[in-house]
Amino acid sequence: MAKTDDMTKIMKDMMGAFPVDMSSLQETFKTQASLGDKMSKVAVEAAEKSTELSSKWTKATLAKVAEFSAVKDEPTDYTNAMTAFASAQAELATENMAAFAEIAKKVQMETVELMLAAGKDMGDDMTAAAKKATEELSSVAKKATDEVTAAAKKATAK
């Protein structure tokens, strides 16, 4: 019975000494939170710029509608107004779509930069955690081996 108790105690001690490094989990959480914060800032900035651009485009369109819808003296003036409105809308659309594309391009570049930096940070965190866990596991394994050896010697000596 004593031999069983010794092995149970050794296993209990070994499992109790099993390293659970909460600091590496905290670092990972901080890295994730930081990435989320930076990504949110990129998204909010893009939304603000897109909203400003949309508002500007709408105001320009409404100004052209006012010109287009004004009473004209001659029927041909309506045709000319319609042509001018269509031309102005095509120009506005081209300019604004290019501006939206620039916003999207900037968001894409910033996102890639953030993801690369986060990947490096997470890789560094994981490497440090793995190294620490390996060192602690080696220490625990050596201690367990020594205890098992000592228990075996003690059992054979009886």
C-alpha atoms as a PDB file:
ATOM      1  CA  MET A   1       0.000   0.000   0.000  1.00  0.00           C
ATOM      2  CA  ALA A   2       2.857   2.386   0.813  1.00  0.00           C
ATOM      3  CA  LYS A   3       4.343   1.942  -2.661  1.00  0.00           C
ATOM      4  CA  THR A   4       1.056   2.959  -4.271  1.00  0.00           C
ATOM      5  CA  ASP A   5       0.816   6.013  -2.034  1.00  0.00           C
ATOM      6  CA  ASP A   6       4.357   7.031  -2.979  1.00  0.00           C
ATOM      7  CA  MET A   7       3.592   6.825  -6.712  1.00  0.00           C
ATOM      8  CA  THR A   8       0.283   8.660  -6.229  1.00  0.00           C
ATOM      9  CA  LYS A   9       2.095  11.410  -4.349  1.00  0.00           C
ATOM     10  CA  ILE A  10       4.771  11.608  -7.047  1.00  0.00           C
ATOM     11  CA  MET A  11       2.151  11.843  -9.802  1.00  0.00           C
ATOM     12  CA  LYS A  12       0.196  14.435  -7.834  1.00  0.00           C
ATOM     13  CA  ASP A  13       3.335  16.512  -7.262  1.00  0.00           C
ATOM     14  CA  MET A  14       4.297  16.192 -10.907  1.00  0.00           C
ATOM     15  CA  MET A  15       0.859  17.301 -12.139  1.00  0.00           C
ATOM     16  CA  GLY A  16       0.806  20.115  -9.576  1.00  0.00           C
ATOM     17  CA  ALA A  17       4.149  21.308 -10.859  1.00  0.00           C
ATOM     18  CA  PHE A  18       2.954  21.227 -14.477  1.00  0.00           C
ATOM     19  CA  PRO A  19       3.616  24.748 -15.727  1.00  0.00           C
ATOM     20  CA  VAL A  20       0.693  26.939 -16.683  1.00  0.00           C
ATOM     21  CA  ASP A  21       2.171  30.262 -17.655  1.00  0.00           C
ATOM     22  CA  MET A  22      -0.566  32.876 -17.394  1.00  0.00           C
ATOM     23  CA  SER A  23       1.798  35.701 -18.376  1.00  0.00           C
ATOM     24  CA  SER A  24       2.070  34.342 -21.916  1.00  0.00           C
ATOM     25  CA  LEU A  25      -1.728  34.222 -22.140  1.00  0.00           C
ATOM     26  CA  GLN A  26      -1.895  37.801 -20.893  1.00  0.00           C
ATOM     27  CA  GLU A  27       0.658  38.916 -23.478  1.00  0.00           C
ATOM     28  CA  THR A  28      -1.317  37.176 -26.219  1.00  0.00           C
ATOM     29  CA  PHE A  29      -4.494  38.876 -25.021  1.00  0.00           C
ATOM     30  CA  LYS A  30      -2.750  42.269 -24.981  1.00  0.00           C
ATOM     31  CA  THR A  31      -1.437  41.692 -28.498  1.00  0.00           C
ATOM     32  CA  GLN A  32      -4.931  40.755 -29.728  1.00  0.00           C
ATOM     33  CA  ALA A  33      -6.515  43.744 -27.966  1.00  0.00           C
ATOM     34  CA  SER A  34      -3.931  46.084 -29.461  1.00  0.00           C
ATOM     35  CA  LEU A  35      -4.546  44.675 -32.934  1.00  0.00           C
ATOM     36  CA  GLY A  36      -8.302  45.088 -32.481  1.00  0.00           C
ATOM     37  CA  ASP A  37      -7.814  48.686 -31.363  1.00  0.00           C
ATOM     38  CA  LYS A  38      -5.607  49.544 -34.345  1.00  0.00           C
ATOM     39  CA  MET A  39      -7.937  47.804 -36.802  1.00  0.00           C
ATOM     40  CA  SER A  40     -10.910  49.711 -35.351  1.00  0.00           C
ATOM     41  CA  LYS A  41      -9.073  52.999 -35.823  1.00  0.00           C
ATOM     42  CA  VAL A  42      -8.376  52.143 -39.471  1.00  0.00           C
ATOM     43  CA  ALA A  43     -12.040  51.219 -40.043  1.00  0.00           C
ATOM     44  CA  VAL A  44     -13.381  54.343 -38.297  1.00  0.00           C
ATOM     45  CA  GLU A  45     -11.036  56.623 -40.232  1.00  0.00           C
ATOM     46  CA  ALA A  46     -12.098  55.015 -43.519  1.00  0.00           C
ATOM     47  CA  ALA A  47     -15.772  55.350 -42.578  1.00  0.00           C
ATOM     48  CA  GLU A  48     -15.281  59.035 -41.719  1.00  0.00           C
ATOM     49  CA  LYS A  49     -13.527  59.740 -45.022  1.00  0.00           C
ATOM     50  CA  SER A  50     -16.147  57.789 -46.976  1.00  0.00           C
ATOM     51  CA  THR A  51     -18.952  59.679 -45.246  1.00  0.00           C
ATOM     52  CA  GLU A  52     -17.312  63.039 -45.978  1.00  0.00           C
ATOM     53  CA  LEU A  53     -16.839  62.045 -49.597  1.00  0.00           C
ATOM     54  CA  SER A  54     -20.439  60.848 -49.940  1.00  0.00           C
ATOM     55  CA  SER A  55     -21.725  64.071 -48.392  1.00  0.00           C
ATOM     56  CA  LYS A  56     -19.598  66.191 -50.716  1.00  0.00           C
ATOM     57  CA  TRP A  57     -20.794  64.191 -53.732  1.00  0.00           C
ATOM     58  CA  THR A  58     -24.423  64.526 -52.655  1.00  0.00           C
ATOM     59  CA  LYS A  59     -24.089  68.311 -52.193  1.00  0.00           C
ATOM     60  CA  ALA A  60     -22.502  68.670 -55.631  1.00  0.00           C
ATOM     61  CA  THR A  61     -25.262  66.555 -57.189  1.00  0.00           C
ATOM     62  CA  LEU A  62     -27.993  68.598 -55.489  1.00  0.00           C
ATOM     63  CA  ALA A  63     -26.413  71.814 -56.740  1.00  0.00           C
ATOM     64  CA  LYS A  64     -26.485  70.425 -60.291  1.00  0.00           C
ATOM     65  CA  VAL A  65     -30.117  69.279 -59.834  1.00  0.00           C
ATOM     66  CA  ALA A  66     -31.041  72.831 -58.837  1.00  0.00           C
ATOM     67  CA  GLU A  67     -29.460  74.155 -62.023  1.00  0.00           C
ATOM     68  CA  PHE A  68     -31.059  71.411 -64.119  1.00  0.00           C
ATOM     69  CA  SER A  69     -34.558  71.860 -62.704  1.00  0.00           C
ATOM     70  CA  ALA A  70     -34.738  75.657 -63.040  1.00  0.00           C
ATOM     71  CA  VAL A  71     -37.265  77.059 -65.513  1.00  0.00           C
ATOM     72  CA  LYS A  72     -35.810  77.596 -68.989  1.00  0.00           C
ATOM     73  CA  ASP A  73     -36.858  80.025 -71.691  1.00  0.00           C
ATOM     74  CA  GLU A  74     -36.467  77.694 -74.662  1.00  0.00           C
ATOM     75  CA  PRO A  75     -37.172  73.957 -75.050  1.00  0.00           C
ATOM     76  CA  THR A  76     -33.632  73.404 -76.303  1.00  0.00           C
ATOM     77  CA  ASP A  77     -32.341  74.862 -73.026  1.00  0.00           C
ATOM     78  CA  TYR A  78     -33.848  71.825 -71.263  1.00  0.00           C
ATOM     79  CA  THR A  79     -31.901  69.521 -73.569  1.00  0.00           C
ATOM     80  CA  ASN A  80     -28.711  71.479 -72.936  1.00  0.00           C
ATOM     81  CA  ALA A  81     -29.353  71.418 -69.167  1.00  0.00           C
ATOM     82  CA  MET A  82     -29.921  67.661 -69.285  1.00  0.00           C
ATOM     83  CA  THR A  83     -26.700  67.145 -71.247  1.00  0.00           C
ATOM     84  CA  ALA A  84     -24.748  69.373 -68.848  1.00  0.00           C
ATOM     85  CA  PHE A  85     -26.229  67.525 -65.862  1.00  0.00           C
ATOM     86  CA  ALA A  86     -25.356  64.102 -67.292  1.00  0.00           C
ATOM     87  CA  SER A  87     -21.842  65.257 -68.134  1.00  0.00           C
ATOM     88  CA  ALA A  88     -21.346  66.734 -64.659  1.00  0.00           C
ATOM     89  CA  GLN A  89     -22.636  63.530 -63.057  1.00  0.00           C
ATOM     90  CA  ALA A  90     -20.255  61.405 -65.110  1.00  0.00           C
ATOM     91  CA  GLU A  91     -17.353  63.624 -64.063  1.00  0.00           C
ATOM     92  CA  LEU A  92     -18.421  63.596 -60.397  1.00  0.00           C
ATOM     93  CA  ALA A  93     -18.813  59.827 -60.460  1.00  0.00           C
ATOM     94  CA  THR A  94     -15.347  59.359 -61.943  1.00  0.00           C
ATOM     95  CA  GLU A  95     -13.712  61.677 -59.392  1.00  0.00           C
ATOM     96  CA  ASN A  96     -15.544  60.232 -56.424  1.00  0.00           C
ATOM     97  CA  MET A  97     -15.052  56.602 -57.398  1.00  0.00           C
ATOM     98  CA  ALA A  98     -11.318  57.305 -57.693  1.00  0.00           C
ATOM     99  CA  ALA A  99     -11.394  58.907 -54.225  1.00  0.00           C
ATOM    100  CA  PHE A 100     -13.259  55.885 -52.793  1.00  0.00           C
ATOM    101  CA  ALA A 101     -10.656  53.627 -54.400  1.00  0.00           C
ATOM    102  CA  GLU A 102      -7.878  55.610 -52.689  1.00  0.00           C
ATOM    103  CA  ILE A 103      -9.614  55.200 -49.324  1.00  0.00           C
ATOM    104  CA  ALA A 104      -9.953  51.448 -49.919  1.00  0.00           C
ATOM    105  CA  LYS A 105      -6.310  51.200 -51.020  1.00  0.00           C
ATOM    106  CA  LYS A 106      -5.148  52.993 -47.860  1.00  0.00           C
ATOM    107  CA  VAL A 107      -7.276  50.711 -45.668  1.00  0.00           C
ATOM    108  CA  GLN A 108      -5.859  47.663 -47.419  1.00  0.00           C
ATOM    109  CA  MET A 109      -2.249  48.820 -46.987  1.00  0.00           C
ATOM    110  CA  GLU A 110      -2.737  49.708 -43.311  1.00  0.00           C
ATOM    111  CA  THR A 111      -4.497  46.395 -42.665  1.00  0.00           C
ATOM    112  CA  VAL A 112      -1.676  44.396 -44.248  1.00  0.00           C
ATOM    113  CA  GLU A 113       0.908  46.336 -42.218  1.00  0.00           C
ATOM    114  CA  LEU A 114      -1.036  45.728 -38.997  1.00  0.00           C
ATOM    115  CA  MET A 115      -1.483  42.028 -39.734  1.00  0.00           C
ATOM    116  CA  LEU A 116       2.212  41.573 -40.497  1.00  0.00           C
ATOM    117  CA  ALA A 117       3.211  43.389 -37.300  1.00  0.00           C
ATOM    118  CA  ALA A 118       0.669  41.407 -35.259  1.00  0.00           C
ATOM    119  CA  GLY A 119       1.858  38.139 -36.782  1.00  0.00           C
ATOM    120  CA  LYS A 120       5.433  38.968 -35.815  1.00  0.00           C
ATOM    121  CA  ASP A 121       4.384  39.957 -32.277  1.00  0.00           C
ATOM    122  CA  MET A 122       2.317  36.793 -31.859  1.00  0.00           C
ATOM    123  CA  GLY A 123       5.137  34.676 -33.223  1.00  0.00           C
ATOM    124  CA  ASP A 124       7.550  36.260 -30.751  1.00  0.00           C
ATOM    125  CA  ASP A 125       5.051  35.715 -27.902  1.00  0.00           C
ATOM    126  CA  MET A 126       4.545  32.080 -28.884  1.00  0.00           C
ATOM    127  CA  THR A 127       8.275  31.450 -29.200  1.00  0.00           C
ATOM    128  CA  ALA A 128       8.941  32.939 -25.757  1.00  0.00           C
ATOM    129  CA  ALA A 129       6.054  30.963 -24.209  1.00  0.00           C
ATOM    130  CA  ALA A 130       7.202  27.720 -25.851  1.00  0.00           C
ATOM    131  CA  LYS A 131      10.776  28.250 -24.677  1.00  0.00           C
ATOM    132  CA  LYS A 132       9.658  28.943 -21.115  1.00  0.00           C
ATOM    133  CA  ALA A 133       7.273  25.968 -21.111  1.00  0.00           C
ATOM    134  CA  THR A 134      10.015  23.697 -22.451  1.00  0.00           C
ATOM    135  CA  GLU A 135      12.401  24.801 -19.718  1.00  0.00           C
ATOM    136  CA  GLU A 136       9.768  24.302 -17.024  1.00  0.00           C
ATOM    137  CA  LEU A 137       8.694  20.925 -18.412  1.00  0.00           C
ATOM    138  CA  SER A 138      12.302  19.772 -18.519  1.00  0.00           C
ATOM    139  CA  SER A 139      12.711  20.807 -14.898  1.00  0.00           C
ATOM    140  CA  VAL A 140       9.493  19.036 -13.862  1.00  0.00           C
ATOM    141  CA  ALA A 141      10.408  15.913 -15.853  1.00  0.00           C
ATOM    142  CA  LYS A 142      13.862  15.799 -14.250  1.00  0.00           C
ATOM    143  CA  LYS A 143      12.333  16.223 -10.787  1.00  0.00           C
ATOM    144  CA  ALA A 144       9.754  13.494 -11.477  1.00  0.00           C
ATOM    145  CA  THR A 145      12.437  11.178 -12.820  1.00  0.00           C
ATOM    146  CA  ASP A 146      14.583  11.779  -9.750  1.00  0.00           C
ATOM    147  CA  GLU A 147      11.608  11.111  -7.459  1.00  0.00           C
ATOM    148  CA  VAL A 148      10.640   7.938  -9.327  1.00  0.00           C
ATOM    149  CA  THR A 149      14.254   6.742  -9.180  1.00  0.00           C
ATOM    150  CA  ALA A 150      14.452   7.540  -5.465  1.00  0.00           C
ATOM    151  CA  ALA A 151      11.125   5.766  -4.812  1.00  0.00           C
ATOM    152  CA  ALA A 152      12.297   2.733  -6.794  1.00  0.00           C
ATOM    153  CA  LYS A 153      15.571   2.577  -4.844  1.00  0.00           C
ATOM    154  CA  LYS A 154      13.659   2.948  -1.603  1.00  0.00           C
ATOM    155  CA  ALA A 155      11.247   0.167  -2.621  1.00  0.00           C
ATOM    156  CA  THR A 156      14.054  -2.238  -3.614  1.00  0.00           C
ATOM    157  CA  ALA A 157      15.957  -1.455  -0.443  1.00  0.00           C
ATOM    158  CA  LYS A 158      13.051  -2.680   1.705  1.00  0.00           C
END
